[in-house]
Amino acid sequence: MSRAFVNEDAGADRPDLPERPVPPGPNLVTPRGLAALQADLAQRQADLAALKTRPDRLDKLPEAAAERDIRWLEARLKAAVVIDPSTHDLTEVAFGLAVTVADTEGMETTYQITGEDEADATHHRIAPTSPLARALLGAQVGDVVTWKRPSGPLDLEVVRIAHADP
């Protein structure tokens, strides 16, 4: 076959981007986490609509990225299981609750155990699969738990369990 009839640009109009990995199983979220996923989906859909109205659409990468993000967000929402922390009593650390711990020097820090998608270390929101959350889940006020960190274990005393700010 002559090279004159081969389209070397085939597929160039639709870049292949790797899919964002979707963890298997349910996606535990707080009501705030569900609202954030829904807002993110609406924003990406608006972004995609704006991208499709561009007069110069030679670069399809931004559209492909938006479409990929939309697929991921839709999958996360489909797997979402909302757990309302306001229904938990405050006798033990549970998903969605705020727990204040004190280290051996008396320094107190408050964490909230949230879904993976809303975990944010800067706001002390931790995923339930994190080593700290695994140590805290089920603990009661006065319990001492051991946080197994890469830098070495740290004992923390549970000082307070409360409903987190919305």
N, C-alpha and C. Protein backbone atom coordinates (compact mmCIF):
# COMPACT_ATOMS: atom_id res chain seq x y z
N MET A 1 0.84 -1.17 0.00
CA MET A 1 0.00 0.00 0.00
C MET A 1 0.89 1.23 0.00
N SER A 2 0.50 2.18 -0.76
CA SER A 2 1.24 3.42 -0.85
C SER A 2 1.09 4.23 0.44
N ARG A 3 2.13 4.88 0.89
CA ARG A 3 2.08 5.71 2.09
C ARG A 3 1.18 6.92 1.87
N ALA A 4 0.86 7.22 0.62
CA ALA A 4 0.01 8.37 0.32
C ALA A 4 -1.39 8.19 0.89
N PHE A 5 -1.78 6.94 1.13
CA PHE A 5 -3.14 6.69 1.59
C PHE A 5 -3.21 6.39 3.09
N VAL A 6 -2.13 6.57 3.79
CA VAL A 6 -2.11 6.32 5.23
C VAL A 6 -2.30 7.65 5.95
N ASN A 7 -3.26 7.68 6.84
CA ASN A 7 -3.52 8.88 7.62
C ASN A 7 -2.66 8.84 8.87
N GLU A 8 -1.57 9.57 8.81
CA GLU A 8 -0.65 9.58 9.95
C GLU A 8 -1.19 10.35 11.13
N ASP A 9 -2.22 11.14 10.91
CA ASP A 9 -2.82 11.90 11.99
C ASP A 9 -4.03 11.20 12.59
N ALA A 10 -4.29 9.95 12.22
CA ALA A 10 -5.45 9.24 12.74
C ALA A 10 -5.36 9.18 14.26
N GLY A 11 -6.43 9.56 14.90
CA GLY A 11 -6.48 9.56 16.36
C GLY A 11 -5.89 10.79 16.98
N ALA A 12 -5.28 11.66 16.21
CA ALA A 12 -4.66 12.85 16.78
C ALA A 12 -5.70 13.84 17.28
N ASP A 13 -6.93 13.73 16.78
CA ASP A 13 -7.97 14.64 17.22
C ASP A 13 -8.52 14.23 18.59
N ARG A 14 -8.19 13.05 19.06
CA ARG A 14 -8.68 12.58 20.36
C ARG A 14 -7.50 11.98 21.13
N PRO A 15 -6.83 12.79 21.92
CA PRO A 15 -5.66 12.28 22.64
C PRO A 15 -6.05 11.20 23.65
N ASP A 16 -5.19 10.20 23.76
CA ASP A 16 -5.40 9.16 24.75
C ASP A 16 -4.78 9.59 26.07
N LEU A 17 -5.61 9.73 27.06
CA LEU A 17 -5.15 10.05 28.39
C LEU A 17 -5.42 8.84 29.27
N PRO A 18 -4.53 8.53 30.17
CA PRO A 18 -4.82 7.42 31.07
C PRO A 18 -6.01 7.78 31.96
N GLU A 19 -6.84 6.80 32.24
CA GLU A 19 -7.98 7.02 33.11
C GLU A 19 -7.50 7.25 34.54
N ARG A 20 -8.25 8.04 35.27
CA ARG A 20 -7.96 8.21 36.69
C ARG A 20 -8.43 6.94 37.40
N PRO A 21 -7.61 6.35 38.23
CA PRO A 21 -8.01 5.10 38.88
C PRO A 21 -9.19 5.31 39.83
N VAL A 22 -10.16 4.41 39.74
CA VAL A 22 -11.32 4.44 40.62
C VAL A 22 -11.18 3.27 41.59
N PRO A 23 -11.03 3.56 42.87
CA PRO A 23 -10.89 2.47 43.84
C PRO A 23 -12.12 1.57 43.82
N PRO A 24 -11.93 0.28 44.00
CA PRO A 24 -13.08 -0.62 44.03
C PRO A 24 -13.89 -0.44 45.31
N GLY A 25 -15.12 -0.86 45.26
CA GLY A 25 -15.97 -0.84 46.46
C GLY A 25 -16.67 0.48 46.66
N PRO A 26 -17.34 0.58 47.80
CA PRO A 26 -18.11 1.81 48.08
C PRO A 26 -17.20 3.00 48.35
N ASN A 27 -17.73 4.17 48.06
CA ASN A 27 -17.03 5.42 48.32
C ASN A 27 -17.71 6.10 49.49
N LEU A 28 -17.18 5.89 50.69
CA LEU A 28 -17.78 6.50 51.88
C LEU A 28 -17.55 8.00 51.84
N VAL A 29 -18.63 8.75 52.04
CA VAL A 29 -18.54 10.21 52.04
C VAL A 29 -19.43 10.78 53.13
N THR A 30 -19.06 11.95 53.62
CA THR A 30 -19.93 12.71 54.51
C THR A 30 -20.87 13.52 53.61
N PRO A 31 -21.92 14.10 54.16
CA PRO A 31 -22.77 14.97 53.32
C PRO A 31 -21.96 16.09 52.66
N ARG A 32 -20.97 16.64 53.38
CA ARG A 32 -20.11 17.69 52.80
C ARG A 32 -19.31 17.13 51.63
N GLY A 33 -18.81 15.91 51.78
CA GLY A 33 -18.04 15.27 50.70
C GLY A 33 -18.90 15.00 49.48
N LEU A 34 -20.15 14.58 49.68
CA LEU A 34 -21.05 14.36 48.56
C LEU A 34 -21.32 15.67 47.82
N ALA A 35 -21.58 16.73 48.58
CA ALA A 35 -21.83 18.05 47.96
C ALA A 35 -20.60 18.52 47.18
N ALA A 36 -19.40 18.26 47.71
CA ALA A 36 -18.18 18.67 47.01
C ALA A 36 -18.01 17.90 45.70
N LEU A 37 -18.29 16.60 45.71
CA LEU A 37 -18.20 15.81 44.47
C LEU A 37 -19.21 16.31 43.44
N GLN A 38 -20.43 16.60 43.90
CA GLN A 38 -21.45 17.11 42.98
C GLN A 38 -21.06 18.47 42.41
N ALA A 39 -20.50 19.33 43.23
CA ALA A 39 -20.05 20.65 42.76
C ALA A 39 -18.90 20.50 41.77
N ASP A 40 -17.96 19.59 42.07
CA ASP A 40 -16.84 19.36 41.15
C ASP A 40 -17.34 18.86 39.80
N LEU A 41 -18.32 17.95 39.82
CA LEU A 41 -18.87 17.43 38.57
C LEU A 41 -19.53 18.56 37.77
N ALA A 42 -20.34 19.37 38.42
CA ALA A 42 -21.00 20.48 37.72
C ALA A 42 -19.96 21.44 37.13
N GLN A 43 -18.89 21.71 37.88
CA GLN A 43 -17.84 22.61 37.38
C GLN A 43 -17.14 22.02 36.17
N ARG A 44 -16.78 20.74 36.22
CA ARG A 44 -16.08 20.11 35.08
C ARG A 44 -17.00 20.05 33.86
N GLN A 45 -18.30 19.82 34.07
CA GLN A 45 -19.23 19.83 32.95
C GLN A 45 -19.33 21.22 32.34
N ALA A 46 -19.33 22.25 33.16
CA ALA A 46 -19.34 23.63 32.66
C ALA A 46 -18.03 23.93 31.93
N ASP A 47 -16.92 23.45 32.48
CA ASP A 47 -15.62 23.64 31.83
C ASP A 47 -15.62 23.00 30.44
N LEU A 48 -16.15 21.78 30.36
CA LEU A 48 -16.18 21.07 29.07
C LEU A 48 -17.05 21.82 28.07
N ALA A 49 -18.19 22.30 28.52
CA ALA A 49 -19.07 23.06 27.62
C ALA A 49 -18.36 24.30 27.09
N ALA A 50 -17.62 24.98 27.96
CA ALA A 50 -16.88 26.18 27.53
C ALA A 50 -15.77 25.81 26.56
N LEU A 51 -15.09 24.69 26.83
CA LEU A 51 -14.02 24.26 25.92
C LEU A 51 -14.55 23.94 24.53
N LYS A 52 -15.75 23.39 24.47
CA LYS A 52 -16.32 23.01 23.17
C LYS A 52 -16.79 24.22 22.36
N THR A 53 -16.88 25.37 22.99
CA THR A 53 -17.29 26.57 22.26
C THR A 53 -16.10 27.41 21.79
N ARG A 54 -14.90 26.94 22.05
CA ARG A 54 -13.71 27.68 21.62
C ARG A 54 -13.68 27.75 20.09
N PRO A 55 -13.30 28.89 19.54
CA PRO A 55 -13.23 28.98 18.08
C PRO A 55 -12.09 28.12 17.51
N ASP A 56 -11.00 28.01 18.25
CA ASP A 56 -9.86 27.21 17.80
C ASP A 56 -9.81 25.96 18.67
N ARG A 57 -10.25 24.85 18.12
CA ARG A 57 -10.31 23.60 18.90
C ARG A 57 -9.30 22.58 18.39
N LEU A 58 -8.16 23.06 17.91
CA LEU A 58 -7.16 22.13 17.41
C LEU A 58 -6.57 21.28 18.54
N ASP A 59 -6.40 21.87 19.69
CA ASP A 59 -5.85 21.13 20.83
C ASP A 59 -7.02 20.48 21.57
N LYS A 60 -7.13 19.17 21.45
CA LYS A 60 -8.24 18.43 22.07
C LYS A 60 -7.90 17.94 23.48
N LEU A 61 -6.66 18.14 23.90
CA LEU A 61 -6.25 17.64 25.20
C LEU A 61 -7.09 18.20 26.36
N PRO A 62 -7.37 19.51 26.41
CA PRO A 62 -8.19 20.01 27.52
C PRO A 62 -9.57 19.37 27.55
N GLU A 63 -10.18 19.15 26.39
CA GLU A 63 -11.50 18.51 26.35
C GLU A 63 -11.40 17.06 26.81
N ALA A 64 -10.39 16.36 26.36
CA ALA A 64 -10.21 14.96 26.76
C ALA A 64 -9.99 14.87 28.27
N ALA A 65 -9.24 15.79 28.84
CA ALA A 65 -9.01 15.78 30.28
C ALA A 65 -10.30 16.05 31.04
N ALA A 66 -11.10 16.99 30.55
CA ALA A 66 -12.38 17.28 31.20
C ALA A 66 -13.31 16.07 31.12
N GLU A 67 -13.36 15.42 29.97
CA GLU A 67 -14.21 14.23 29.81
C GLU A 67 -13.76 13.11 30.74
N ARG A 68 -12.45 12.93 30.85
CA ARG A 68 -11.91 11.92 31.75
C ARG A 68 -12.28 12.23 33.20
N ASP A 69 -12.14 13.49 33.60
CA ASP A 69 -12.49 13.88 34.97
C ASP A 69 -13.97 13.68 35.24
N ILE A 70 -14.80 13.97 34.26
CA ILE A 70 -16.25 13.77 34.41
C ILE A 70 -16.56 12.29 34.61
N ARG A 71 -15.91 11.42 33.83
CA ARG A 71 -16.13 9.98 34.02
C ARG A 71 -15.74 9.55 35.42
N TRP A 72 -14.60 10.05 35.91
CA TRP A 72 -14.13 9.69 37.24
C TRP A 72 -15.11 10.18 38.31
N LEU A 73 -15.53 11.44 38.21
CA LEU A 73 -16.46 11.99 39.19
C LEU A 73 -17.79 11.25 39.18
N GLU A 74 -18.28 10.90 37.99
CA GLU A 74 -19.53 10.15 37.90
C GLU A 74 -19.38 8.78 38.56
N ALA A 75 -18.24 8.13 38.38
CA ALA A 75 -18.00 6.83 39.00
C ALA A 75 -17.93 6.97 40.52
N ARG A 76 -17.27 8.02 41.01
CA ARG A 76 -17.19 8.23 42.46
C ARG A 76 -18.56 8.52 43.06
N LEU A 77 -19.38 9.28 42.32
CA LEU A 77 -20.73 9.58 42.81
C LEU A 77 -21.61 8.33 42.78
N LYS A 78 -21.46 7.51 41.75
CA LYS A 78 -22.25 6.29 41.64
C LYS A 78 -21.94 5.35 42.80
N ALA A 79 -20.69 5.31 43.24
CA ALA A 79 -20.27 4.43 44.33
C ALA A 79 -20.44 5.07 45.71
N ALA A 80 -20.91 6.33 45.75
CA ALA A 80 -20.98 7.06 47.02
C ALA A 80 -21.99 6.44 47.98
N VAL A 81 -21.55 6.30 49.21
CA VAL A 81 -22.41 5.89 50.32
C VAL A 81 -22.28 7.00 51.36
N VAL A 82 -23.36 7.74 51.54
CA VAL A 82 -23.33 8.88 52.46
C VAL A 82 -23.53 8.39 53.89
N ILE A 83 -22.61 8.78 54.74
CA ILE A 83 -22.72 8.49 56.16
C ILE A 83 -22.81 9.82 56.88
N ASP A 84 -23.96 10.04 57.50
CA ASP A 84 -24.18 11.31 58.20
C ASP A 84 -23.64 11.20 59.62
N PRO A 85 -22.55 11.90 59.92
CA PRO A 85 -21.95 11.79 61.24
C PRO A 85 -22.85 12.30 62.37
N SER A 86 -23.85 13.11 62.04
CA SER A 86 -24.72 13.62 63.10
C SER A 86 -25.57 12.50 63.71
N THR A 87 -25.63 11.34 63.05
CA THR A 87 -26.40 10.22 63.60
C THR A 87 -25.57 9.37 64.56
N HIS A 88 -24.26 9.60 64.63
CA HIS A 88 -23.40 8.84 65.54
C HIS A 88 -23.49 9.42 66.95
N ASP A 89 -23.51 8.53 67.93
CA ASP A 89 -23.35 9.04 69.29
C ASP A 89 -21.85 9.34 69.46
N LEU A 90 -21.51 9.95 70.52
CA LEU A 90 -20.13 10.42 70.69
C LEU A 90 -19.36 9.56 71.68
N THR A 91 -19.73 8.27 71.78
CA THR A 91 -19.05 7.39 72.73
C THR A 91 -17.75 6.83 72.18
N GLU A 92 -17.64 6.74 70.84
CA GLU A 92 -16.39 6.24 70.25
C GLU A 92 -16.14 6.92 68.91
N VAL A 93 -14.89 6.92 68.51
CA VAL A 93 -14.48 7.55 67.25
C VAL A 93 -15.10 6.78 66.09
N ALA A 94 -15.76 7.51 65.20
CA ALA A 94 -16.41 6.89 64.04
C ALA A 94 -16.25 7.81 62.84
N PHE A 95 -16.55 7.28 61.67
CA PHE A 95 -16.45 8.02 60.41
C PHE A 95 -17.22 9.33 60.51
N GLY A 96 -16.57 10.41 60.12
CA GLY A 96 -17.20 11.72 60.06
C GLY A 96 -17.08 12.54 61.33
N LEU A 97 -16.73 11.91 62.44
CA LEU A 97 -16.63 12.65 63.69
C LEU A 97 -15.28 13.33 63.81
N ALA A 98 -15.25 14.36 64.66
CA ALA A 98 -14.00 15.06 64.97
C ALA A 98 -13.46 14.47 66.26
N VAL A 99 -12.19 14.15 66.26
CA VAL A 99 -11.56 13.58 67.45
C VAL A 99 -10.33 14.42 67.79
N THR A 100 -10.26 14.84 69.04
CA THR A 100 -9.12 15.60 69.52
C THR A 100 -8.22 14.65 70.30
N VAL A 101 -6.94 14.67 69.94
CA VAL A 101 -5.96 13.81 70.59
C VAL A 101 -4.84 14.66 71.16
N ALA A 102 -4.20 14.12 72.19
CA ALA A 102 -3.05 14.80 72.79
C ALA A 102 -1.85 13.87 72.69
N ASP A 103 -0.71 14.43 72.29
CA ASP A 103 0.50 13.61 72.22
C ASP A 103 1.14 13.56 73.62
N THR A 104 2.27 12.92 73.72
CA THR A 104 2.91 12.72 75.02
C THR A 104 3.37 14.03 75.67
N GLU A 105 3.47 15.08 74.87
CA GLU A 105 3.87 16.39 75.42
C GLU A 105 2.66 17.28 75.71
N GLY A 106 1.45 16.76 75.50
CA GLY A 106 0.24 17.51 75.79
C GLY A 106 -0.28 18.35 74.63
N MET A 107 0.40 18.30 73.48
CA MET A 107 -0.03 19.07 72.30
C MET A 107 -1.30 18.44 71.73
N GLU A 108 -2.37 19.23 71.63
CA GLU A 108 -3.65 18.71 71.14
C GLU A 108 -3.85 19.04 69.66
N THR A 109 -4.41 18.08 68.93
CA THR A 109 -4.75 18.25 67.52
C THR A 109 -6.10 17.59 67.29
N THR A 110 -6.93 18.22 66.47
CA THR A 110 -8.24 17.66 66.15
C THR A 110 -8.24 17.19 64.70
N TYR A 111 -8.70 15.96 64.50
CA TYR A 111 -8.79 15.35 63.18
C TYR A 111 -10.24 14.98 62.91
N GLN A 112 -10.59 14.93 61.64
CA GLN A 112 -11.89 14.39 61.24
C GLN A 112 -11.63 13.27 60.25
N ILE A 113 -12.28 12.14 60.48
CA ILE A 113 -12.15 11.01 59.57
C ILE A 113 -13.21 11.17 58.50
N THR A 114 -12.76 11.37 57.25
CA THR A 114 -13.66 11.65 56.14
C THR A 114 -13.42 10.64 55.01
N GLY A 115 -14.20 10.78 53.96
CA GLY A 115 -13.98 9.94 52.79
C GLY A 115 -12.66 10.26 52.11
N GLU A 116 -12.19 9.32 51.29
CA GLU A 116 -10.91 9.51 50.59
C GLU A 116 -10.89 10.78 49.76
N ASP A 117 -12.02 11.08 49.10
CA ASP A 117 -12.06 12.22 48.19
C ASP A 117 -12.03 13.56 48.92
N GLU A 118 -12.41 13.58 50.19
CA GLU A 118 -12.42 14.84 50.92
C GLU A 118 -11.29 14.95 51.94
N ALA A 119 -10.46 13.92 52.03
CA ALA A 119 -9.32 13.97 52.93
C ALA A 119 -8.40 15.11 52.52
N ASP A 120 -7.92 15.83 53.50
CA ASP A 120 -7.08 17.00 53.25
C ASP A 120 -6.22 17.26 54.49
N ALA A 121 -4.96 16.93 54.40
CA ALA A 121 -4.08 17.04 55.56
C ALA A 121 -4.00 18.47 56.10
N THR A 122 -4.11 19.47 55.23
CA THR A 122 -4.01 20.86 55.69
C THR A 122 -5.19 21.24 56.59
N HIS A 123 -6.31 20.53 56.45
CA HIS A 123 -7.49 20.79 57.28
C HIS A 123 -7.70 19.68 58.31
N HIS A 124 -6.70 18.80 58.46
CA HIS A 124 -6.73 17.68 59.41
C HIS A 124 -7.89 16.72 59.13
N ARG A 125 -8.23 16.58 57.86
CA ARG A 125 -9.24 15.59 57.44
C ARG A 125 -8.48 14.38 56.91
N ILE A 126 -8.74 13.23 57.52
CA ILE A 126 -7.98 12.04 57.17
C ILE A 126 -8.90 10.94 56.65
N ALA A 127 -8.39 10.15 55.71
CA ALA A 127 -9.15 9.06 55.12
C ALA A 127 -9.21 7.89 56.11
N PRO A 128 -10.30 7.13 56.08
CA PRO A 128 -10.43 6.01 57.02
C PRO A 128 -9.39 4.91 56.82
N THR A 129 -8.73 4.89 55.67
CA THR A 129 -7.70 3.88 55.41
C THR A 129 -6.32 4.32 55.87
N SER A 130 -6.20 5.55 56.33
CA SER A 130 -4.89 6.05 56.79
C SER A 130 -4.51 5.37 58.11
N PRO A 131 -3.21 5.23 58.36
CA PRO A 131 -2.79 4.60 59.62
C PRO A 131 -3.33 5.31 60.86
N LEU A 132 -3.42 6.64 60.83
CA LEU A 132 -3.94 7.37 61.98
C LEU A 132 -5.42 7.06 62.19
N ALA A 133 -6.20 7.10 61.13
CA ALA A 133 -7.64 6.81 61.25
C ALA A 133 -7.86 5.38 61.74
N ARG A 134 -7.08 4.44 61.19
CA ARG A 134 -7.24 3.04 61.63
C ARG A 134 -6.95 2.90 63.12
N ALA A 135 -5.98 3.66 63.62
CA ALA A 135 -5.67 3.61 65.05
C ALA A 135 -6.79 4.23 65.89
N LEU A 136 -7.43 5.28 65.35
CA LEU A 136 -8.44 6.02 66.12
C LEU A 136 -9.83 5.39 66.08
N LEU A 137 -10.21 4.79 64.97
CA LEU A 137 -11.58 4.27 64.84
C LEU A 137 -11.90 3.29 65.97
N GLY A 138 -13.01 3.55 66.64
CA GLY A 138 -13.46 2.69 67.73
C GLY A 138 -12.93 3.09 69.10
N ALA A 139 -11.96 4.02 69.15
CA ALA A 139 -11.40 4.45 70.43
C ALA A 139 -12.41 5.32 71.17
N GLN A 140 -12.26 5.36 72.48
CA GLN A 140 -13.13 6.18 73.33
C GLN A 140 -12.29 7.22 74.05
N VAL A 141 -12.97 8.23 74.61
CA VAL A 141 -12.25 9.26 75.36
C VAL A 141 -11.48 8.59 76.49
N GLY A 142 -10.21 8.96 76.62
CA GLY A 142 -9.32 8.40 77.63
C GLY A 142 -8.45 7.27 77.11
N ASP A 143 -8.83 6.68 75.97
CA ASP A 143 -8.01 5.62 75.38
C ASP A 143 -6.71 6.20 74.83
N VAL A 144 -5.67 5.40 74.90
CA VAL A 144 -4.40 5.75 74.27
C VAL A 144 -4.22 4.82 73.09
N VAL A 145 -4.02 5.41 71.91
CA VAL A 145 -3.82 4.63 70.69
C VAL A 145 -2.41 4.88 70.18
N THR A 146 -1.91 3.93 69.41
CA THR A 146 -0.57 4.08 68.84
C THR A 146 -0.70 4.31 67.34
N TRP A 147 -0.21 5.46 66.92
CA TRP A 147 -0.19 5.81 65.50
C TRP A 147 1.13 5.30 64.94
N LYS A 148 1.04 4.32 64.05
CA LYS A 148 2.24 3.75 63.46
C LYS A 148 2.65 4.59 62.26
N ARG A 149 3.64 5.45 62.47
CA ARG A 149 4.12 6.37 61.45
C ARG A 149 5.43 5.86 60.86
N PRO A 150 5.78 6.31 59.65
CA PRO A 150 7.07 5.92 59.08
C PRO A 150 8.25 6.36 59.96
N SER A 151 8.09 7.47 60.65
CA SER A 151 9.17 7.97 61.50
C SER A 151 9.18 7.31 62.88
N GLY A 152 8.24 6.43 63.11
CA GLY A 152 8.18 5.73 64.40
C GLY A 152 6.82 5.90 65.05
N PRO A 153 6.47 5.00 65.94
CA PRO A 153 5.14 5.05 66.56
C PRO A 153 5.00 6.26 67.48
N LEU A 154 3.76 6.73 67.58
CA LEU A 154 3.44 7.86 68.45
C LEU A 154 2.18 7.51 69.21
N ASP A 155 2.24 7.59 70.55
CA ASP A 155 1.07 7.35 71.37
C ASP A 155 0.26 8.63 71.48
N LEU A 156 -1.05 8.50 71.28
CA LEU A 156 -1.96 9.63 71.36
C LEU A 156 -3.12 9.28 72.29
N GLU A 157 -3.49 10.21 73.15
CA GLU A 157 -4.64 10.01 74.02
C GLU A 157 -5.84 10.71 73.41
N VAL A 158 -6.96 9.99 73.34
CA VAL A 158 -8.20 10.58 72.85
C VAL A 158 -8.75 11.47 73.95
N VAL A 159 -8.84 12.77 73.65
CA VAL A 159 -9.25 13.77 74.64
C VAL A 159 -10.73 14.12 74.47
N ARG A 160 -11.20 14.18 73.20
CA ARG A 160 -12.57 14.63 72.97
C ARG A 160 -13.07 14.04 71.65
N ILE A 161 -14.35 13.69 71.61
CA ILE A 161 -15.01 13.25 70.39
C ILE A 161 -16.22 14.16 70.20
N ALA A 162 -16.34 14.73 69.01
CA ALA A 162 -17.43 15.70 68.77
C ALA A 162 -17.91 15.58 67.33
N HIS A 163 -19.05 16.22 67.10
CA HIS A 163 -19.52 16.33 65.71
C HIS A 163 -18.69 17.41 65.04
N ALA A 164 -18.26 17.15 63.83
CA ALA A 164 -17.43 18.09 63.09
C ALA A 164 -18.27 19.26 62.59
N ASP A 165 -17.59 20.38 62.38
CA ASP A 165 -18.27 21.53 61.78
C ASP A 165 -18.64 21.16 60.35
N PRO A 166 -19.85 21.56 59.93
CA PRO A 166 -20.25 21.22 58.54
C PRO A 166 -19.45 21.93 57.49
